[in-house]
C-alpha atoms as a PDB file:
ATOM      1  CA  UNK A   1     -23.716  -7.115  -2.594  1.00  0.00           C
ATOM      2  CA  UNK A   2     -24.340  -5.243   0.663  1.00  0.00           C
ATOM      3  CA  UNK A   3     -23.181  -8.253   2.682  1.00  0.00           C
ATOM      4  CA  UNK A   4     -20.007  -8.371   0.574  1.00  0.00           C
ATOM      5  CA  UNK A   5     -19.333  -4.674   1.228  1.00  0.00           C
ATOM      6  CA  UNK A   6     -19.946  -5.137   4.927  1.00  0.00           C
ATOM      7  CA  UNK A   7     -17.557  -8.079   5.030  1.00  0.00           C
ATOM      8  CA  UNK A   8     -14.943  -6.019   3.162  1.00  0.00           C
ATOM      9  CA  UNK A   9     -15.288  -3.126   5.604  1.00  0.00           C
ATOM     10  CA  UNK A  10     -15.190  -5.501   8.578  1.00  0.00           C
ATOM     11  CA  UNK A  11     -11.879  -6.932   7.340  1.00  0.00           C
ATOM     12  CA  UNK A  12     -10.570  -3.394   6.814  1.00  0.00           C
ATOM     13  CA  UNK A  13     -11.425  -2.508  10.400  1.00  0.00           C
ATOM     14  CA  UNK A  14      -9.692  -5.643  11.705  1.00  0.00           C
ATOM     15  CA  UNK A  15      -6.572  -4.848   9.690  1.00  0.00           C
ATOM     16  CA  UNK A  16      -6.567  -1.254  10.932  1.00  0.00           C
ATOM     17  CA  UNK A  17      -6.908  -2.617  14.467  1.00  0.00           C
ATOM     18  CA  UNK A  18      -3.919  -4.876  13.820  1.00  0.00           C
ATOM     19  CA  UNK A  19      -2.008  -1.782  12.748  1.00  0.00           C
ATOM     20  CA  UNK A  20      -2.943   0.431  15.676  1.00  0.00           C
ATOM     21  CA  UNK A  21      -3.292  -1.959  18.620  1.00  0.00           C
ATOM     22  CA  UNK A  22       0.412  -2.912  18.835  1.00  0.00           C
ATOM     23  CA  UNK A  23       1.258   0.795  19.326  1.00  0.00           C
ATOM     24  CA  UNK A  24      -1.476   1.098  21.938  1.00  0.00           C
ATOM     25  CA  UNK A  25      -0.121  -2.016  23.660  1.00  0.00           C
ATOM     26  CA  UNK A  26       3.363  -0.496  23.689  1.00  0.00           C
ATOM     27  CA  UNK A  27       2.031   2.672  25.356  1.00  0.00           C
ATOM     28  CA  UNK A  28       0.088   0.653  27.933  1.00  0.00           C
ATOM     29  CA  UNK A  29       3.177  -1.424  28.740  1.00  0.00           C
ATOM     30  CA  UNK A  30       5.198   1.787  29.061  1.00  0.00           C
ATOM     31  CA  UNK A  31       2.699   3.289  31.535  1.00  0.00           C
ATOM     32  CA  UNK A  32       2.402   0.135  33.640  1.00  0.00           C
ATOM     33  CA  UNK A  33       6.123  -0.674  33.826  1.00  0.00           C
ATOM     34  CA  UNK A  34       7.890   2.713  33.770  1.00  0.00           C
ATOM     35  CA  UNK A  35       9.525   3.354  37.169  1.00  0.00           C
ATOM     36  CA  UNK A  36       8.843   6.686  38.891  1.00  0.00           C
ATOM     37  CA  UNK A  37      11.503   9.305  38.112  1.00  0.00           C
ATOM     38  CA  UNK A  38      12.387  12.772  39.332  1.00  0.00           C
ATOM     39  CA  UNK A  39      13.733  15.392  36.956  1.00  0.00           C
ATOM     40  CA  UNK A  40      15.460  14.631  33.667  1.00  0.00           C
ATOM     41  CA  UNK A  41      16.852  11.145  33.209  1.00  0.00           C
ATOM     42  CA  UNK A  42      18.438   9.688  30.086  1.00  0.00           C
ATOM     43  CA  UNK A  43      18.550   5.898  30.237  1.00  0.00           C
ATOM     44  CA  UNK A  44      18.611   2.963  27.857  1.00  0.00           C
ATOM     45  CA  UNK A  45      15.840   0.472  27.201  1.00  0.00           C
ATOM     46  CA  UNK A  46      14.072  -0.784  30.286  1.00  0.00           C
ATOM     47  CA  UNK A  47      14.744  -4.485  31.014  1.00  0.00           C
ATOM     48  CA  UNK A  48      11.490  -6.370  31.564  1.00  0.00           C
ATOM     49  CA  UNK A  49      12.845  -9.818  32.478  1.00  0.00           C
ATOM     50  CA  UNK A  50      15.752 -12.186  31.879  1.00  0.00           C
ATOM     51  CA  UNK A  51      15.623 -15.754  30.563  1.00  0.00           C
ATOM     52  CA  UNK A  52      18.407 -17.981  31.953  1.00  0.00           C
ATOM     53  CA  UNK A  53      20.497 -19.492  29.129  1.00  0.00           C
ATOM     54  CA  UNK A  54      23.522 -21.874  29.182  1.00  0.00           C
ATOM     55  CA  UNK A  55      26.114 -19.414  27.840  1.00  0.00           C
ATOM     56  CA  UNK A  56      24.574 -15.993  28.455  1.00  0.00           C
ATOM     57  CA  UNK A  57      21.202 -14.964  29.862  1.00  0.00           C
ATOM     58  CA  UNK A  58      18.687 -13.671  27.321  1.00  0.00           C
ATOM     59  CA  UNK A  59      17.494 -10.171  28.218  1.00  0.00           C
ATOM     60  CA  UNK A  60      14.039  -9.132  27.094  1.00  0.00           C
ATOM     61  CA  UNK A  61      14.062  -5.349  27.006  1.00  0.00           C
ATOM     62  CA  UNK A  62      11.825  -2.487  25.986  1.00  0.00           C
ATOM     63  CA  UNK A  63      13.691  -2.194  22.686  1.00  0.00           C
ATOM     64  CA  UNK A  64      12.990  -5.833  21.720  1.00  0.00           C
ATOM     65  CA  UNK A  65       9.328  -5.653  22.673  1.00  0.00           C
ATOM     66  CA  UNK A  66       8.795  -2.372  20.795  1.00  0.00           C
ATOM     67  CA  UNK A  67      10.646  -3.761  17.794  1.00  0.00           C
ATOM     68  CA  UNK A  68       8.363  -6.802  17.679  1.00  0.00           C
ATOM     69  CA  UNK A  69       5.265  -4.638  18.052  1.00  0.00           C
ATOM     70  CA  UNK A  70       6.371  -2.341  15.216  1.00  0.00           C
ATOM     71  CA  UNK A  71       6.810  -5.400  13.004  1.00  0.00           C
ATOM     72  CA  UNK A  72       3.188  -6.389  13.751  1.00  0.00           C
ATOM     73  CA  UNK A  73       2.133  -2.829  12.952  1.00  0.00           C
ATOM     74  CA  UNK A  74       3.901  -2.967   9.592  1.00  0.00           C
ATOM     75  CA  UNK A  75       2.258  -6.313   8.845  1.00  0.00           C
ATOM     76  CA  UNK A  76      -1.184  -4.880   9.565  1.00  0.00           C
ATOM     77  CA  UNK A  77      -0.459  -1.819   7.446  1.00  0.00           C
ATOM     78  CA  UNK A  78       0.724  -3.928   4.507  1.00  0.00           C
ATOM     79  CA  UNK A  79      -2.339  -6.189   4.733  1.00  0.00           C
ATOM     80  CA  UNK A  80      -4.649  -3.187   4.890  1.00  0.00           C
ATOM     81  CA  UNK A  81      -3.081  -1.425   1.907  1.00  0.00           C
ATOM     82  CA  UNK A  82      -3.166  -4.613  -0.221  1.00  0.00           C
ATOM     83  CA  UNK A  83      -6.656  -5.726   0.868  1.00  0.00           C
ATOM     84  CA  UNK A  84      -8.972  -5.798  -2.104  1.00  0.00           C
ATOM     85  CA  UNK A  85      -6.275  -4.996  -4.639  1.00  0.00           C
ATOM     86  CA  UNK A  86      -6.987  -6.808  -7.903  1.00  0.00           C
ATOM     87  CA  UNK A  87      -6.234  -6.412 -11.567  1.00  0.00           C
ATOM     88  CA  UNK A  88      -8.467  -4.111 -13.594  1.00  0.00           C
ATOM     89  CA  UNK A  89      -9.827  -2.217 -10.584  1.00  0.00           C
ATOM     90  CA  UNK A  90      -8.126   1.005  -9.550  1.00  0.00           C
ATOM     91  CA  UNK A  91      -8.533   2.213  -5.996  1.00  0.00           C
ATOM     92  CA  UNK A  92      -6.739   4.877  -4.010  1.00  0.00           C
ATOM     93  CA  UNK A  93      -4.817   2.348  -1.940  1.00  0.00           C
ATOM     94  CA  UNK A  94      -3.868   0.447  -5.050  1.00  0.00           C
ATOM     95  CA  UNK A  95      -2.532   3.587  -6.700  1.00  0.00           C
ATOM     96  CA  UNK A  96      -0.605   4.350  -3.482  1.00  0.00           C
ATOM     97  CA  UNK A  97       0.942   0.904  -3.381  1.00  0.00           C
ATOM     98  CA  UNK A  98       1.845   1.033  -7.047  1.00  0.00           C
ATOM     99  CA  UNK A  99       3.568   4.353  -6.506  1.00  0.00           C
ATOM    100  CA  UNK A 100       5.534   2.952  -3.550  1.00  0.00           C
ATOM    101  CA  UNK A 101       6.570  -0.123  -5.527  1.00  0.00           C
ATOM    102  CA  UNK A 102       7.668   1.987  -8.507  1.00  0.00           C
ATOM    103  CA  UNK A 103       9.736   4.292  -6.299  1.00  0.00           C
ATOM    104  CA  UNK A 104      11.462   1.429  -4.471  1.00  0.00           C
ATOM    105  CA  UNK A 105      12.084  -0.468  -7.736  1.00  0.00           C
ATOM    106  CA  UNK A 106      13.591   2.692  -9.235  1.00  0.00           C
ATOM    107  CA  UNK A 107      15.793   3.199  -6.180  1.00  0.00           C
ATOM    108  CA  UNK A 108      17.072  -0.379  -6.304  1.00  0.00           C
ATOM    109  CA  UNK A 109      17.619  -0.333 -10.056  1.00  0.00           C
ATOM    110  CA  UNK A 110      19.542   2.927  -9.905  1.00  0.00           C
ATOM    111  CA  UNK A 111      21.809   1.895  -7.041  1.00  0.00           C
ATOM    112  CA  UNK A 112      22.130  -1.874  -7.458  1.00  0.00           C
ATOM    113  CA  UNK A 113      21.361  -2.689 -11.071  1.00  0.00           C
ATOM    114  CA  UNK A 114      19.009  -5.117 -12.827  1.00  0.00           C
ATOM    115  CA  UNK A 115      20.590  -8.186 -11.209  1.00  0.00           C
ATOM    116  CA  UNK A 116      19.371  -7.084  -7.751  1.00  0.00           C
ATOM    117  CA  UNK A 117      15.807  -6.120  -8.635  1.00  0.00           C
ATOM    118  CA  UNK A 118      14.580  -8.900  -6.351  1.00  0.00           C
ATOM    119  CA  UNK A 119      15.946  -6.902  -3.410  1.00  0.00           C
ATOM    120  CA  UNK A 120      13.128  -4.349  -3.667  1.00  0.00           C
ATOM    121  CA  UNK A 121      10.963  -5.906  -0.919  1.00  0.00           C
ATOM    122  CA  UNK A 122      13.967  -6.203   1.383  1.00  0.00           C
ATOM    123  CA  UNK A 123      14.996  -2.577   0.876  1.00  0.00           C
ATOM    124  CA  UNK A 124      11.389  -1.440   1.381  1.00  0.00           C
ATOM    125  CA  UNK A 125      11.260  -3.418   4.629  1.00  0.00           C
ATOM    126  CA  UNK A 126      14.533  -1.820   5.812  1.00  0.00           C
ATOM    127  CA  UNK A 127      13.221   1.664   5.067  1.00  0.00           C
ATOM    128  CA  UNK A 128       9.816   1.190   6.764  1.00  0.00           C
ATOM    129  CA  UNK A 129      11.126  -0.750   9.775  1.00  0.00           C
ATOM    130  CA  UNK A 130      13.919   1.768  10.474  1.00  0.00           C
ATOM    131  CA  UNK A 131      11.696   4.846   9.977  1.00  0.00           C
ATOM    132  CA  UNK A 132       8.763   3.636  12.031  1.00  0.00           C
ATOM    133  CA  UNK A 133      11.040   2.342  14.796  1.00  0.00           C
ATOM    134  CA  UNK A 134      12.580   5.796  15.175  1.00  0.00           C
ATOM    135  CA  UNK A 135       9.213   7.570  14.887  1.00  0.00           C
ATOM    136  CA  UNK A 136       7.925   5.673  17.949  1.00  0.00           C
ATOM    137  CA  UNK A 137       9.591   8.491  19.943  1.00  0.00           C
ATOM    138  CA  UNK A 138       6.692  10.746  18.841  1.00  0.00           C
ATOM    139  CA  UNK A 139       4.355   8.581  20.975  1.00  0.00           C
ATOM    140  CA  UNK A 140       6.602   8.823  23.997  1.00  0.00           C
ATOM    141  CA  UNK A 141       7.913   5.307  23.448  1.00  0.00           C
ATOM    142  CA  UNK A 142      11.476   4.094  23.450  1.00  0.00           C
ATOM    143  CA  UNK A 143      12.585   3.872  19.789  1.00  0.00           C
ATOM    144  CA  UNK A 144      14.286   0.492  19.050  1.00  0.00           C
ATOM    145  CA  UNK A 145      16.818   2.309  16.889  1.00  0.00           C
ATOM    146  CA  UNK A 146      18.131   3.931  20.075  1.00  0.00           C
ATOM    147  CA  UNK A 147      19.326   0.472  21.205  1.00  0.00           C
ATOM    148  CA  UNK A 148      22.627  -0.613  19.655  1.00  0.00           C
ATOM    149  CA  UNK A 149      21.659  -4.288  19.889  1.00  0.00           C
ATOM    150  CA  UNK A 150      18.693  -3.825  17.519  1.00  0.00           C
ATOM    151  CA  UNK A 151      20.600  -1.858  14.888  1.00  0.00           C
ATOM    152  CA  UNK A 152      23.613  -4.149  15.196  1.00  0.00           C
ATOM    153  CA  UNK A 153      21.372  -7.086  14.391  1.00  0.00           C
ATOM    154  CA  UNK A 154      20.289  -5.373  11.156  1.00  0.00           C
ATOM    155  CA  UNK A 155      23.902  -4.559  10.283  1.00  0.00           C
ATOM    156  CA  UNK A 156      24.999  -8.177  10.864  1.00  0.00           C
ATOM    157  CA  UNK A 157      22.204  -9.392   8.557  1.00  0.00           C
ATOM    158  CA  UNK A 158      23.375  -6.961   5.872  1.00  0.00           C
ATOM    159  CA  UNK A 159      27.001  -8.081   6.379  1.00  0.00           C
ATOM    160  CA  UNK A 160      25.961 -11.718   5.811  1.00  0.00           C
ATOM    161  CA  UNK A 161      24.311 -10.671   2.545  1.00  0.00           C
ATOM    162  CA  UNK A 162      27.418  -8.714   1.505  1.00  0.00           C
ATOM    163  CA  UNK A 163      29.653 -11.714   2.164  1.00  0.00           C
ATOM    164  CA  UNK A 164      27.232 -14.056   0.389  1.00  0.00           C
ATOM    165  CA  UNK A 165      27.320 -12.025  -2.805  1.00  0.00           C
ATOM    166  CA  UNK A 166      31.080 -11.541  -2.617  1.00  0.00           C
ATOM    167  CA  UNK A 167      31.454 -15.321  -2.547  1.00  0.00           C
ATOM    168  CA  UNK A 168      29.489 -15.530  -5.809  1.00  0.00           C
ATOM    169  CA  UNK A 169      32.834 -14.931  -7.547  1.00  0.00           C
ATOM    170  CA  UNK A 170      34.386 -17.913  -5.800  1.00  0.00           C
ATOM    171  CA  UNK A 171      36.026 -18.467  -2.412  1.00  0.00           C
ATOM    172  CA  UNK A 172      39.502 -18.104  -3.907  1.00  0.00           C
ATOM    173  CA  UNK A 173      38.658 -14.739  -5.463  1.00  0.00           C
ATOM    174  CA  UNK A 174      37.128 -13.567  -2.179  1.00  0.00           C
ATOM    175  CA  UNK A 175      40.232 -14.474  -0.170  1.00  0.00           C
ATOM    176  CA  UNK A 176      42.486 -13.018  -2.859  1.00  0.00           C
ATOM    177  CA  UNK A 177      40.745  -9.650  -2.493  1.00  0.00           C
ATOM    178  CA  UNK A 178      42.221  -9.306   0.976  1.00  0.00           C
ATOM    179  CA  UNK A 179      45.743  -9.251  -0.501  1.00  0.00           C
ATOM    180  CA  UNK A 180      45.068  -6.514  -3.076  1.00  0.00           C
ATOM    181  CA  UNK A 181      46.599  -4.255  -4.188  1.00  0.00           C
ATOM    182  CA  UNK A 182      49.610  -5.621  -2.223  1.00  0.00           C
ATOM    183  CA  UNK A 183      49.740  -8.523   0.281  1.00  0.00           C
ATOM    184  CA  UNK A 184      51.166  -6.346   3.067  1.00  0.00           C
ATOM    185  CA  UNK A 185      47.695  -4.703   3.326  1.00  0.00           C
ATOM    186  CA  UNK A 186      46.056  -7.970   4.416  1.00  0.00           C
ATOM    187  CA  UNK A 187      45.503  -6.877   8.050  1.00  0.00           C
ATOM    188  CA  UNK A 188      44.029  -3.525   6.962  1.00  0.00           C
ATOM    189  CA  UNK A 189      41.758  -5.215   4.407  1.00  0.00           C
ATOM    190  CA  UNK A 190      40.468  -7.646   7.034  1.00  0.00           C
ATOM    191  CA  UNK A 191      39.898  -4.756   9.421  1.00  0.00           C
ATOM    192  CA  UNK A 192      38.034  -2.840   6.714  1.00  0.00           C
ATOM    193  CA  UNK A 193      35.811  -5.865   6.023  1.00  0.00           C
ATOM    194  CA  UNK A 194      34.890  -6.324   9.698  1.00  0.00           C
ATOM    195  CA  UNK A 195      34.336  -2.603  10.206  1.00  0.00           C
ATOM    196  CA  UNK A 196      31.465  -2.472   7.674  1.00  0.00           C
ATOM    197  CA  UNK A 197      28.705  -3.753   9.984  1.00  0.00           C
ATOM    198  CA  UNK A 198      30.216  -1.871  12.948  1.00  0.00           C
ATOM    199  CA  UNK A 199      30.156   1.480  11.128  1.00  0.00           C
ATOM    200  CA  UNK A 200      26.627   0.912   9.792  1.00  0.00           C
ATOM    201  CA  UNK A 201      25.315   0.041  13.279  1.00  0.00           C
ATOM    202  CA  UNK A 202      27.044   2.898  15.126  1.00  0.00           C
ATOM    203  CA  UNK A 203      26.142   5.477  12.476  1.00  0.00           C
ATOM    204  CA  UNK A 204      22.421   4.686  12.696  1.00  0.00           C
ATOM    205  CA  UNK A 205      22.357   4.227  16.479  1.00  0.00           C
ATOM    206  CA  UNK A 206      24.515   7.287  17.165  1.00  0.00           C
ATOM    207  CA  UNK A 207      22.470   9.693  15.102  1.00  0.00           C
ATOM    208  CA  UNK A 208      19.093   8.574  16.543  1.00  0.00           C
ATOM    209  CA  UNK A 209      20.333   8.431  20.130  1.00  0.00           C
ATOM    210  CA  UNK A 210      22.183  11.767  19.964  1.00  0.00           C
ATOM    211  CA  UNK A 211      19.051  13.483  18.610  1.00  0.00           C
ATOM    212  CA  UNK A 212      17.023  12.168  21.537  1.00  0.00           C
ATOM    213  CA  UNK A 213      19.645  13.302  24.066  1.00  0.00           C
ATOM    214  CA  UNK A 214      19.967  16.773  22.542  1.00  0.00           C
ATOM    215  CA  UNK A 215      16.180  17.306  22.476  1.00  0.00           C
ATOM    216  CA  UNK A 216      15.852  16.272  26.135  1.00  0.00           C
ATOM    217  CA  UNK A 217      18.727  18.437  27.285  1.00  0.00           C
ATOM    218  CA  UNK A 218      17.422  21.518  25.470  1.00  0.00           C
ATOM    219  CA  UNK A 219      13.928  20.973  26.879  1.00  0.00           C
ATOM    220  CA  UNK A 220      15.386  20.738  30.406  1.00  0.00           C
ATOM    221  CA  UNK A 221      17.531  23.830  29.863  1.00  0.00           C
ATOM    222  CA  UNK A 222      14.519  25.820  28.622  1.00  0.00           C
ATOM    223  CA  UNK A 223      12.523  24.771  31.692  1.00  0.00           C
ATOM    224  CA  UNK A 224      15.292  26.035  34.012  1.00  0.00           C
ATOM    225  CA  UNK A 225      15.720  29.234  31.988  1.00  0.00           C
ATOM    226  CA  UNK A 226      11.982  29.884  32.102  1.00  0.00           C
ATOM    227  CA  UNK A 227      11.941  29.502  35.869  1.00  0.00           C
ATOM    228  CA  UNK A 228      14.943  31.838  36.175  1.00  0.00           C
ATOM    229  CA  UNK A 229      13.698  34.568  33.853  1.00  0.00           C
ATOM    230  CA  UNK A 230       9.908  34.381  34.348  1.00  0.00           C
ATOM    231  CA  UNK A 231       9.721  32.944  37.871  1.00  0.00           C
ATOM    232  CA  UNK A 232       8.778  36.378  39.212  1.00  0.00           C
ATOM    233  CA  UNK A 233       5.348  36.227  37.626  1.00  0.00           C
ATOM    234  CA  UNK A 234       2.535  36.114  40.223  1.00  0.00           C
ATOM    235  CA  UNK A 235       0.757  32.877  41.255  1.00  0.00           C
ATOM    236  CA  UNK A 236       0.771  29.846  39.033  1.00  0.00           C
ATOM    237  CA  UNK A 237       2.102  31.849  36.066  1.00  0.00           C
ATOM    238  CA  UNK A 238       5.585  31.689  37.520  1.00  0.00           C
ATOM    239  CA  UNK A 239       5.463  27.879  37.447  1.00  0.00           C
ATOM    240  CA  UNK A 240       4.564  27.646  33.769  1.00  0.00           C
ATOM    241  CA  UNK A 241       7.632  26.934  31.577  1.00  0.00           C
ATOM    242  CA  UNK A 242       6.716  29.461  28.847  1.00  0.00           C
ATOM    243  CA  UNK A 243      10.085  29.121  27.135  1.00  0.00           C
ATOM    244  CA  UNK A 244       9.408  25.418  26.521  1.00  0.00           C
ATOM    245  CA  UNK A 245       6.473  26.282  24.329  1.00  0.00           C
ATOM    246  CA  UNK A 246       7.258  25.963  20.624  1.00  0.00           C
ATOM    247  CA  UNK A 247      10.988  25.269  20.388  1.00  0.00           C
ATOM    248  CA  UNK A 248      10.887  21.631  21.639  1.00  0.00           C
ATOM    249  CA  UNK A 249       8.167  20.938  19.076  1.00  0.00           C
ATOM    250  CA  UNK A 250      10.339  22.377  16.297  1.00  0.00           C
ATOM    251  CA  UNK A 251      13.263  20.283  17.479  1.00  0.00           C
ATOM    252  CA  UNK A 252      11.001  17.250  17.518  1.00  0.00           C
ATOM    253  CA  UNK A 253      10.121  17.875  13.869  1.00  0.00           C
ATOM    254  CA  UNK A 254      13.810  17.637  13.020  1.00  0.00           C
ATOM    255  CA  UNK A 255      15.149  14.981  15.394  1.00  0.00           C
ATOM    256  CA  UNK A 256      12.066  12.718  15.496  1.00  0.00           C
ATOM    257  CA  UNK A 257      10.765  13.065  11.945  1.00  0.00           C
ATOM    258  CA  UNK A 258      13.306  14.442   9.457  1.00  0.00           C
ATOM    259  CA  UNK A 259      16.375  12.888  11.041  1.00  0.00           C
ATOM    260  CA  UNK A 260      14.632   9.525  11.603  1.00  0.00           C
ATOM    261  CA  UNK A 261      13.544   9.259   7.978  1.00  0.00           C
ATOM    262  CA  UNK A 262      16.938  10.453   6.790  1.00  0.00           C
ATOM    263  CA  UNK A 263      18.773   7.806   8.853  1.00  0.00           C
ATOM    264  CA  UNK A 264      16.479   5.114   7.481  1.00  0.00           C
ATOM    265  CA  UNK A 265      17.251   6.246   3.936  1.00  0.00           C
ATOM    266  CA  UNK A 266      21.018   6.353   4.642  1.00  0.00           C
ATOM    267  CA  UNK A 267      20.958   2.827   6.135  1.00  0.00           C
ATOM    268  CA  UNK A 268      19.051   1.531   3.082  1.00  0.00           C
ATOM    269  CA  UNK A 269      21.479   3.296   0.716  1.00  0.00           C
ATOM    270  CA  UNK A 270      24.516   1.825   2.496  1.00  0.00           C
ATOM    271  CA  UNK A 271      22.893  -1.595   2.345  1.00  0.00           C
ATOM    272  CA  UNK A 272      22.379  -1.346  -1.407  1.00  0.00           C
ATOM    273  CA  UNK A 273      25.809   0.101  -2.156  1.00  0.00           C
ATOM    274  CA  UNK A 274      27.688  -2.425   0.010  1.00  0.00           C
ATOM    275  CA  UNK A 275      25.863  -5.458  -1.408  1.00  0.00           C
ATOM    276  CA  UNK A 276      26.009  -4.397  -5.032  1.00  0.00           C
ATOM    277  CA  UNK A 277      29.547  -2.939  -4.743  1.00  0.00           C
ATOM    278  CA  UNK A 278      30.982  -6.184  -3.392  1.00  0.00           C
ATOM    279  CA  UNK A 279      29.368  -8.411  -6.014  1.00  0.00           C
ATOM    280  CA  UNK A 280      31.892  -9.534  -8.705  1.00  0.00           C
ATOM    281  CA  UNK A 281      29.391  -9.778 -11.536  1.00  0.00           C
ATOM    282  CA  UNK A 282      31.915 -10.566 -14.313  1.00  0.00           C
ATOM    283  CA  UNK A 283      33.480 -13.417 -12.338  1.00  0.00           C
ATOM    284  CA  UNK A 284      30.026 -14.694 -11.419  1.00  0.00           C
ATOM    285  CA  UNK A 285      28.946 -14.736 -15.079  1.00  0.00           C
ATOM    286  CA  UNK A 286      32.173 -16.556 -16.087  1.00  0.00           C
ATOM    287  CA  UNK A 287      31.704 -19.210 -13.370  1.00  0.00           C
ATOM    288  CA  UNK A 288      28.074 -19.597 -14.417  1.00  0.00           C
ATOM    289  CA  UNK A 289      29.008 -20.143 -18.063  1.00  0.00           C
ATOM    290  CA  UNK A 290      31.740 -22.554 -17.045  1.00  0.00           C
ATOM    291  CA  UNK A 291      29.294 -24.639 -15.062  1.00  0.00           C
ATOM    292  CA  UNK A 292      26.831 -24.670 -17.947  1.00  0.00           C
ATOM    293  CA  UNK A 293      29.507 -25.734 -20.445  1.00  0.00           C
ATOM    294  CA  UNK A 294      30.673 -28.501 -18.107  1.00  0.00           C
ATOM    295  CA  UNK A 295      27.183 -30.002 -18.177  1.00  0.00           C
END
């Protein structure tokens, strides 16, 4: 029994290491590759290297590496929380996972309906991936959600799902929808269809990136104001940016935590509403019954 408990704890430690080590690796890579800077600089993701490709070179950037590392972290976290979970035995982590599953199932059922209950794991993945990607800023790392390429990839995936479920009513019905309510609106309807992934990507990217920029600018302004107002203090006291103490931390609570989680929730909500809203369930049921009767 003791050997079994030791083996269980050893696996727990390995899974926790799988959760934490990717973040440590991201910080180490940041320290080793970050170029020396002077003053305040707001730049995009650092480009590590480029792979030559026939049509366009493939750029491997800080955003892509951090995004891959956060996926590994999520994998380790999921494996840790589900390790040892079995029927008839209640543990704290099991109760936590059951609560999470119930909340996500309720969110999907309320916004998408019974037909889309299988989307719960996908929506949970969107929420966790988006939130943790943005929260990487708390560790001084570049958040992948501050790179339009990363968020645009998510939006394109969602757009493919939206189109897939719209086609459930038939190709003819899908194309007919572009001419409603009157055919003259065809160009506007096409534009509205294409703008869905664009608006989702820019909304998420813009809010996360703008929060980062505002926080950096305010911190820089407070440093200059502190030097101007309190620079007369004797010795090293005049070099301490006293006005930077407190306020940047409060701003971080909003921009890095509250806003990040809020943007993840909004992206997940838009995903659910767009997929479920474009699904012609009545036409799908009719086509399904027609196929069954033909057999």
